[in-house]
Amino acid sequence: MSEGLTVVHRRYIPHSHAHYGGALVDGAYVLGLFGDVATEVCVRLDGDEGLFASYSDVQFTAPVLAGDVVEAAATVVRVGRRSRTLSFEARIVCRARPDLSPSAAEVLDPPLVAATATGTVVAPQR
């Protein structure tokens, strides 16, 4: 199994990761999540962490905020001799509700898509 393989990670975003006013988390944080799921894809496909070669078509579609639970997914869309093309999506599955109380939160159904991208990883030559 290679094309179609999907890896998903979920992570709570602590307030210490907020970078801008309004508890906004910078877009680079989401790209880091994409790198983490890409690493697991490489381990599963090639038995190696691989190397991230490039991103293309990165789209930030909704803000990620401190207190969110974000799900980052990577799906293998093409497998070459050493390169693998991955499709990424970051979804907010839970969001803090400080307007209700300091610890209130809600599940978002459906999740809110925060970012998408395409990336290329490279497996080592063996």
N, C-alpha and C. Protein backbone atom coordinates (compact mmCIF):
# COMPACT_ATOMS: atom_id res chain seq x y z
N MET A 1 0.85 -1.19 0.00
CA MET A 1 0.00 0.00 0.00
C MET A 1 0.89 1.24 0.00
N SER A 2 0.73 2.10 -0.98
CA SER A 2 1.52 3.33 -0.99
C SER A 2 0.63 4.49 -1.41
N GLU A 3 0.23 4.55 -2.68
CA GLU A 3 -0.69 5.62 -3.07
C GLU A 3 -1.99 5.43 -2.30
N GLY A 4 -2.49 6.52 -1.75
CA GLY A 4 -3.70 6.47 -0.94
C GLY A 4 -3.44 6.33 0.54
N LEU A 5 -2.20 5.98 0.91
CA LEU A 5 -1.87 5.89 2.33
C LEU A 5 -2.09 7.26 2.98
N THR A 6 -2.80 7.27 4.10
CA THR A 6 -3.06 8.52 4.83
C THR A 6 -2.58 8.38 6.27
N VAL A 7 -1.89 9.40 6.75
CA VAL A 7 -1.44 9.48 8.14
C VAL A 7 -2.09 10.72 8.74
N VAL A 8 -2.62 10.58 9.97
CA VAL A 8 -3.29 11.69 10.64
C VAL A 8 -2.72 11.85 12.04
N HIS A 9 -2.39 13.08 12.41
CA HIS A 9 -1.98 13.42 13.77
C HIS A 9 -2.95 14.48 14.30
N ARG A 10 -3.22 14.43 15.60
CA ARG A 10 -4.01 15.48 16.25
C ARG A 10 -3.18 16.12 17.35
N ARG A 11 -3.35 17.42 17.51
CA ARG A 11 -2.58 18.13 18.53
C ARG A 11 -3.39 19.29 19.09
N TYR A 12 -3.36 19.42 20.41
CA TYR A 12 -3.92 20.60 21.08
C TYR A 12 -2.91 21.73 20.94
N ILE A 13 -3.38 22.92 20.60
CA ILE A 13 -2.49 24.07 20.43
C ILE A 13 -2.53 24.90 21.72
N PRO A 14 -1.45 24.85 22.51
CA PRO A 14 -1.46 25.59 23.78
C PRO A 14 -1.33 27.10 23.56
N HIS A 15 -1.73 27.84 24.56
CA HIS A 15 -1.66 29.31 24.46
C HIS A 15 -0.22 29.80 24.32
N SER A 16 0.74 29.03 24.76
CA SER A 16 2.14 29.43 24.62
C SER A 16 2.58 29.46 23.15
N HIS A 17 1.79 28.87 22.26
CA HIS A 17 2.12 28.88 20.84
C HIS A 17 1.47 30.01 20.06
N ALA A 18 0.63 30.78 20.73
CA ALA A 18 0.02 31.95 20.07
C ALA A 18 1.12 32.96 19.78
N HIS A 19 1.12 33.48 18.58
CA HIS A 19 2.21 34.36 18.15
C HIS A 19 1.73 35.80 17.91
N TYR A 20 0.45 35.96 17.65
CA TYR A 20 -0.09 37.27 17.31
C TYR A 20 -1.30 37.58 18.19
N GLY A 21 -1.77 38.82 18.12
CA GLY A 21 -2.95 39.24 18.86
C GLY A 21 -4.14 38.35 18.54
N GLY A 22 -5.06 38.27 19.49
CA GLY A 22 -6.24 37.45 19.29
C GLY A 22 -5.96 35.97 19.40
N ALA A 23 -4.83 35.60 20.01
CA ALA A 23 -4.43 34.19 20.20
C ALA A 23 -4.15 33.48 18.88
N LEU A 24 -3.80 34.24 17.85
CA LEU A 24 -3.52 33.67 16.53
C LEU A 24 -2.18 32.94 16.51
N VAL A 25 -2.18 31.76 15.90
CA VAL A 25 -0.98 30.94 15.75
C VAL A 25 -0.47 31.14 14.32
N ASP A 26 0.85 31.30 14.15
CA ASP A 26 1.37 31.58 12.81
C ASP A 26 1.26 30.37 11.88
N GLY A 27 1.21 30.65 10.59
CA GLY A 27 1.07 29.61 9.58
C GLY A 27 2.22 28.62 9.57
N ALA A 28 3.40 29.05 9.97
CA ALA A 28 4.55 28.15 10.00
C ALA A 28 4.31 26.98 10.96
N TYR A 29 3.51 27.20 12.00
CA TYR A 29 3.19 26.12 12.93
C TYR A 29 2.46 25.00 12.20
N VAL A 30 1.52 25.36 11.34
CA VAL A 30 0.77 24.36 10.57
C VAL A 30 1.70 23.63 9.61
N LEU A 31 2.62 24.34 8.99
CA LEU A 31 3.58 23.67 8.10
C LEU A 31 4.44 22.68 8.88
N GLY A 32 4.75 23.00 10.13
CA GLY A 32 5.47 22.06 10.99
C GLY A 32 4.67 20.79 11.24
N LEU A 33 3.35 20.94 11.42
CA LEU A 33 2.49 19.77 11.58
C LEU A 33 2.51 18.92 10.31
N PHE A 34 2.50 19.59 9.15
CA PHE A 34 2.57 18.85 7.89
C PHE A 34 3.89 18.08 7.80
N GLY A 35 4.97 18.70 8.25
CA GLY A 35 6.26 18.01 8.26
C GLY A 35 6.24 16.77 9.14
N ASP A 36 5.55 16.85 10.28
CA ASP A 36 5.46 15.69 11.18
C ASP A 36 4.72 14.52 10.53
N VAL A 37 3.58 14.80 9.89
CA VAL A 37 2.84 13.69 9.27
C VAL A 37 3.60 13.16 8.05
N ALA A 38 4.32 14.04 7.35
CA ALA A 38 5.14 13.59 6.21
C ALA A 38 6.23 12.64 6.69
N THR A 39 6.82 12.93 7.84
CA THR A 39 7.85 12.06 8.39
C THR A 39 7.30 10.67 8.65
N GLU A 40 6.12 10.58 9.25
CA GLU A 40 5.54 9.26 9.49
C GLU A 40 5.22 8.54 8.18
N VAL A 41 4.74 9.27 7.18
CA VAL A 41 4.50 8.65 5.86
C VAL A 41 5.79 8.03 5.35
N CYS A 42 6.88 8.77 5.42
CA CYS A 42 8.17 8.27 4.92
C CYS A 42 8.61 7.01 5.68
N VAL A 43 8.45 7.02 6.99
CA VAL A 43 8.82 5.85 7.79
C VAL A 43 7.98 4.65 7.36
N ARG A 44 6.68 4.86 7.19
CA ARG A 44 5.80 3.75 6.80
C ARG A 44 6.11 3.22 5.40
N LEU A 45 6.44 4.11 4.46
CA LEU A 45 6.70 3.68 3.08
C LEU A 45 8.11 3.17 2.88
N ASP A 46 9.08 3.82 3.52
CA ASP A 46 10.48 3.58 3.17
C ASP A 46 11.36 3.14 4.33
N GLY A 47 10.82 3.10 5.53
CA GLY A 47 11.65 2.74 6.68
C GLY A 47 12.71 3.77 6.99
N ASP A 48 12.45 5.03 6.61
CA ASP A 48 13.40 6.12 6.81
C ASP A 48 12.60 7.41 6.94
N GLU A 49 13.12 8.37 7.70
CA GLU A 49 12.40 9.64 7.86
C GLU A 49 12.33 10.45 6.57
N GLY A 50 13.19 10.19 5.62
CA GLY A 50 13.17 10.91 4.35
C GLY A 50 13.55 12.37 4.52
N LEU A 51 13.46 13.09 3.42
CA LEU A 51 13.76 14.53 3.40
C LEU A 51 12.61 15.25 2.72
N PHE A 52 12.21 16.39 3.30
CA PHE A 52 11.18 17.21 2.67
C PHE A 52 11.84 18.06 1.61
N ALA A 53 11.41 17.95 0.37
CA ALA A 53 12.05 18.67 -0.73
C ALA A 53 11.36 20.01 -1.03
N SER A 54 10.01 20.02 -1.01
CA SER A 54 9.32 21.26 -1.37
C SER A 54 7.85 21.22 -0.99
N TYR A 55 7.29 22.43 -0.84
CA TYR A 55 5.85 22.62 -0.74
C TYR A 55 5.41 23.33 -2.01
N SER A 56 4.19 23.09 -2.42
CA SER A 56 3.59 23.88 -3.50
C SER A 56 2.13 24.10 -3.15
N ASP A 57 1.58 25.15 -3.67
CA ASP A 57 0.16 25.46 -3.50
C ASP A 57 -0.29 25.43 -2.04
N VAL A 58 0.43 26.13 -1.19
CA VAL A 58 0.04 26.25 0.22
C VAL A 58 -1.08 27.28 0.31
N GLN A 59 -2.17 26.90 0.95
CA GLN A 59 -3.33 27.79 1.10
C GLN A 59 -3.73 27.81 2.57
N PHE A 60 -3.77 29.00 3.17
CA PHE A 60 -4.27 29.16 4.53
C PHE A 60 -5.71 29.66 4.41
N THR A 61 -6.66 28.86 4.88
CA THR A 61 -8.07 29.14 4.63
C THR A 61 -8.85 29.55 5.88
N ALA A 62 -8.30 29.35 7.06
CA ALA A 62 -8.95 29.76 8.31
C ALA A 62 -7.88 29.93 9.38
N PRO A 63 -8.10 30.83 10.33
CA PRO A 63 -7.09 31.03 11.37
C PRO A 63 -7.03 29.86 12.34
N VAL A 64 -5.81 29.53 12.77
CA VAL A 64 -5.60 28.57 13.86
C VAL A 64 -5.35 29.40 15.11
N LEU A 65 -6.07 29.06 16.18
CA LEU A 65 -6.00 29.83 17.42
C LEU A 65 -5.53 28.96 18.57
N ALA A 66 -4.92 29.59 19.56
CA ALA A 66 -4.60 28.88 20.79
C ALA A 66 -5.88 28.29 21.35
N GLY A 67 -5.81 27.06 21.83
CA GLY A 67 -6.98 26.37 22.34
C GLY A 67 -7.63 25.46 21.32
N ASP A 68 -7.20 25.54 20.06
CA ASP A 68 -7.74 24.64 19.03
C ASP A 68 -7.14 23.25 19.18
N VAL A 69 -7.88 22.26 18.74
CA VAL A 69 -7.34 20.93 18.49
C VAL A 69 -7.31 20.80 16.97
N VAL A 70 -6.11 20.59 16.44
CA VAL A 70 -5.91 20.55 14.99
C VAL A 70 -5.53 19.14 14.57
N GLU A 71 -6.14 18.72 13.49
CA GLU A 71 -5.85 17.42 12.88
C GLU A 71 -5.09 17.69 11.59
N ALA A 72 -3.91 17.15 11.47
CA ALA A 72 -3.11 17.30 10.25
C ALA A 72 -3.05 15.95 9.55
N ALA A 73 -3.38 15.94 8.26
CA ALA A 73 -3.41 14.69 7.50
C ALA A 73 -2.52 14.82 6.27
N ALA A 74 -1.83 13.74 5.95
CA ALA A 74 -1.04 13.65 4.73
C ALA A 74 -1.49 12.40 3.99
N THR A 75 -1.76 12.55 2.70
CA THR A 75 -2.16 11.42 1.86
C THR A 75 -1.19 11.32 0.69
N VAL A 76 -0.69 10.12 0.43
CA VAL A 76 0.22 9.89 -0.69
C VAL A 76 -0.60 9.91 -1.98
N VAL A 77 -0.23 10.81 -2.90
CA VAL A 77 -0.95 10.90 -4.17
C VAL A 77 -0.12 10.41 -5.36
N ARG A 78 1.21 10.32 -5.18
CA ARG A 78 2.06 9.80 -6.26
C ARG A 78 3.33 9.25 -5.65
N VAL A 79 3.77 8.11 -6.18
CA VAL A 79 5.02 7.50 -5.73
C VAL A 79 5.93 7.35 -6.94
N GLY A 80 7.09 8.01 -6.87
CA GLY A 80 8.11 7.86 -7.89
C GLY A 80 9.19 6.91 -7.39
N ARG A 81 10.30 6.85 -8.13
CA ARG A 81 11.39 5.96 -7.71
C ARG A 81 11.89 6.34 -6.32
N ARG A 82 12.14 7.63 -6.09
CA ARG A 82 12.57 8.10 -4.77
C ARG A 82 11.69 9.20 -4.21
N SER A 83 10.91 9.87 -5.05
CA SER A 83 10.07 10.97 -4.57
C SER A 83 8.64 10.49 -4.32
N ARG A 84 8.01 11.16 -3.38
CA ARG A 84 6.62 10.89 -3.06
C ARG A 84 5.90 12.24 -3.00
N THR A 85 4.78 12.37 -3.67
CA THR A 85 3.97 13.58 -3.61
C THR A 85 2.85 13.36 -2.60
N LEU A 86 2.72 14.32 -1.68
CA LEU A 86 1.73 14.21 -0.62
C LEU A 86 0.75 15.37 -0.69
N SER A 87 -0.49 15.08 -0.37
CA SER A 87 -1.52 16.10 -0.23
C SER A 87 -1.77 16.29 1.26
N PHE A 88 -1.78 17.54 1.71
CA PHE A 88 -1.93 17.85 3.13
C PHE A 88 -3.22 18.63 3.39
N GLU A 89 -3.79 18.38 4.57
CA GLU A 89 -4.93 19.18 5.01
C GLU A 89 -4.86 19.30 6.53
N ALA A 90 -5.02 20.52 7.02
CA ALA A 90 -5.10 20.77 8.47
C ALA A 90 -6.53 21.19 8.77
N ARG A 91 -7.14 20.48 9.72
CA ARG A 91 -8.53 20.73 10.08
C ARG A 91 -8.63 21.05 11.58
N ILE A 92 -9.40 22.07 11.91
CA ILE A 92 -9.66 22.39 13.31
C ILE A 92 -10.86 21.55 13.73
N VAL A 93 -10.65 20.65 14.70
CA VAL A 93 -11.72 19.75 15.12
C VAL A 93 -12.38 20.19 16.43
N CYS A 94 -11.68 21.00 17.22
CA CYS A 94 -12.23 21.58 18.44
C CYS A 94 -11.72 23.01 18.56
N ARG A 95 -12.53 23.87 19.15
CA ARG A 95 -12.14 25.27 19.31
C ARG A 95 -12.53 25.76 20.69
N ALA A 96 -11.64 26.55 21.30
CA ALA A 96 -11.92 27.17 22.60
C ALA A 96 -13.08 28.15 22.45
N ARG A 97 -13.83 28.31 23.54
CA ARG A 97 -14.95 29.27 23.57
C ARG A 97 -14.80 30.18 24.78
N PRO A 98 -13.77 31.04 24.79
CA PRO A 98 -13.55 31.92 25.95
C PRO A 98 -14.71 32.89 26.18
N ASP A 99 -15.57 33.07 25.17
CA ASP A 99 -16.74 33.92 25.35
C ASP A 99 -17.75 33.31 26.33
N LEU A 100 -17.66 31.98 26.53
CA LEU A 100 -18.57 31.30 27.46
C LEU A 100 -17.97 31.16 28.85
N SER A 101 -16.69 30.76 28.90
CA SER A 101 -15.94 30.67 30.17
C SER A 101 -14.48 30.44 29.81
N PRO A 102 -13.56 30.63 30.76
CA PRO A 102 -12.13 30.48 30.44
C PRO A 102 -11.74 29.10 29.92
N SER A 103 -12.48 28.06 30.28
CA SER A 103 -12.10 26.71 29.85
C SER A 103 -13.12 26.07 28.90
N ALA A 104 -14.11 26.82 28.45
CA ALA A 104 -15.13 26.25 27.55
C ALA A 104 -14.53 25.98 26.17
N ALA A 105 -15.04 24.93 25.54
CA ALA A 105 -14.61 24.57 24.19
C ALA A 105 -15.74 23.80 23.53
N GLU A 106 -15.64 23.66 22.19
CA GLU A 106 -16.66 22.92 21.47
C GLU A 106 -16.02 22.10 20.36
N VAL A 107 -16.70 21.02 20.03
CA VAL A 107 -16.31 20.19 18.88
C VAL A 107 -16.90 20.85 17.64
N LEU A 108 -16.10 20.99 16.60
CA LEU A 108 -16.59 21.56 15.34
C LEU A 108 -17.02 20.42 14.42
N ASP A 109 -18.27 20.39 14.08
CA ASP A 109 -18.81 19.34 13.20
C ASP A 109 -19.64 20.00 12.12
N PRO A 110 -19.10 20.12 10.92
CA PRO A 110 -17.86 19.52 10.45
C PRO A 110 -16.64 20.33 10.88
N PRO A 111 -15.46 19.69 10.83
CA PRO A 111 -14.23 20.43 11.14
C PRO A 111 -14.04 21.59 10.17
N LEU A 112 -13.26 22.56 10.59
CA LEU A 112 -12.96 23.74 9.79
C LEU A 112 -11.59 23.54 9.13
N VAL A 113 -11.54 23.57 7.81
CA VAL A 113 -10.26 23.41 7.11
C VAL A 113 -9.46 24.69 7.27
N ALA A 114 -8.27 24.56 7.87
CA ALA A 114 -7.42 25.72 8.15
C ALA A 114 -6.34 25.92 7.10
N ALA A 115 -5.86 24.83 6.48
CA ALA A 115 -4.79 24.94 5.48
C ALA A 115 -4.75 23.69 4.63
N THR A 116 -4.29 23.87 3.41
CA THR A 116 -4.04 22.75 2.50
C THR A 116 -2.70 23.00 1.81
N ALA A 117 -2.09 21.94 1.33
CA ALA A 117 -0.82 22.09 0.61
C ALA A 117 -0.54 20.80 -0.14
N THR A 118 0.40 20.90 -1.05
CA THR A 118 0.98 19.74 -1.71
C THR A 118 2.47 19.79 -1.41
N GLY A 119 3.06 18.64 -1.16
CA GLY A 119 4.49 18.61 -0.85
C GLY A 119 5.16 17.41 -1.47
N THR A 120 6.46 17.51 -1.61
CA THR A 120 7.27 16.41 -2.14
C THR A 120 8.32 16.01 -1.12
N VAL A 121 8.38 14.72 -0.82
CA VAL A 121 9.41 14.17 0.04
C VAL A 121 10.26 13.22 -0.78
N VAL A 122 11.49 13.02 -0.32
CA VAL A 122 12.42 12.18 -1.05
C VAL A 122 12.96 11.11 -0.11
N ALA A 123 12.94 9.88 -0.57
CA ALA A 123 13.49 8.75 0.18
C ALA A 123 14.98 8.62 -0.17
N PRO A 124 15.79 8.16 0.77
CA PRO A 124 17.22 8.00 0.46
C PRO A 124 17.45 6.88 -0.55
N GLN A 125 18.50 7.04 -1.32
CA GLN A 125 18.85 6.01 -2.30
C GLN A 125 19.45 4.83 -1.53
N ARG A 126 19.01 3.66 -1.84
CA ARG A 126 19.53 2.46 -1.14
C ARG A 126 20.22 1.55 -2.12
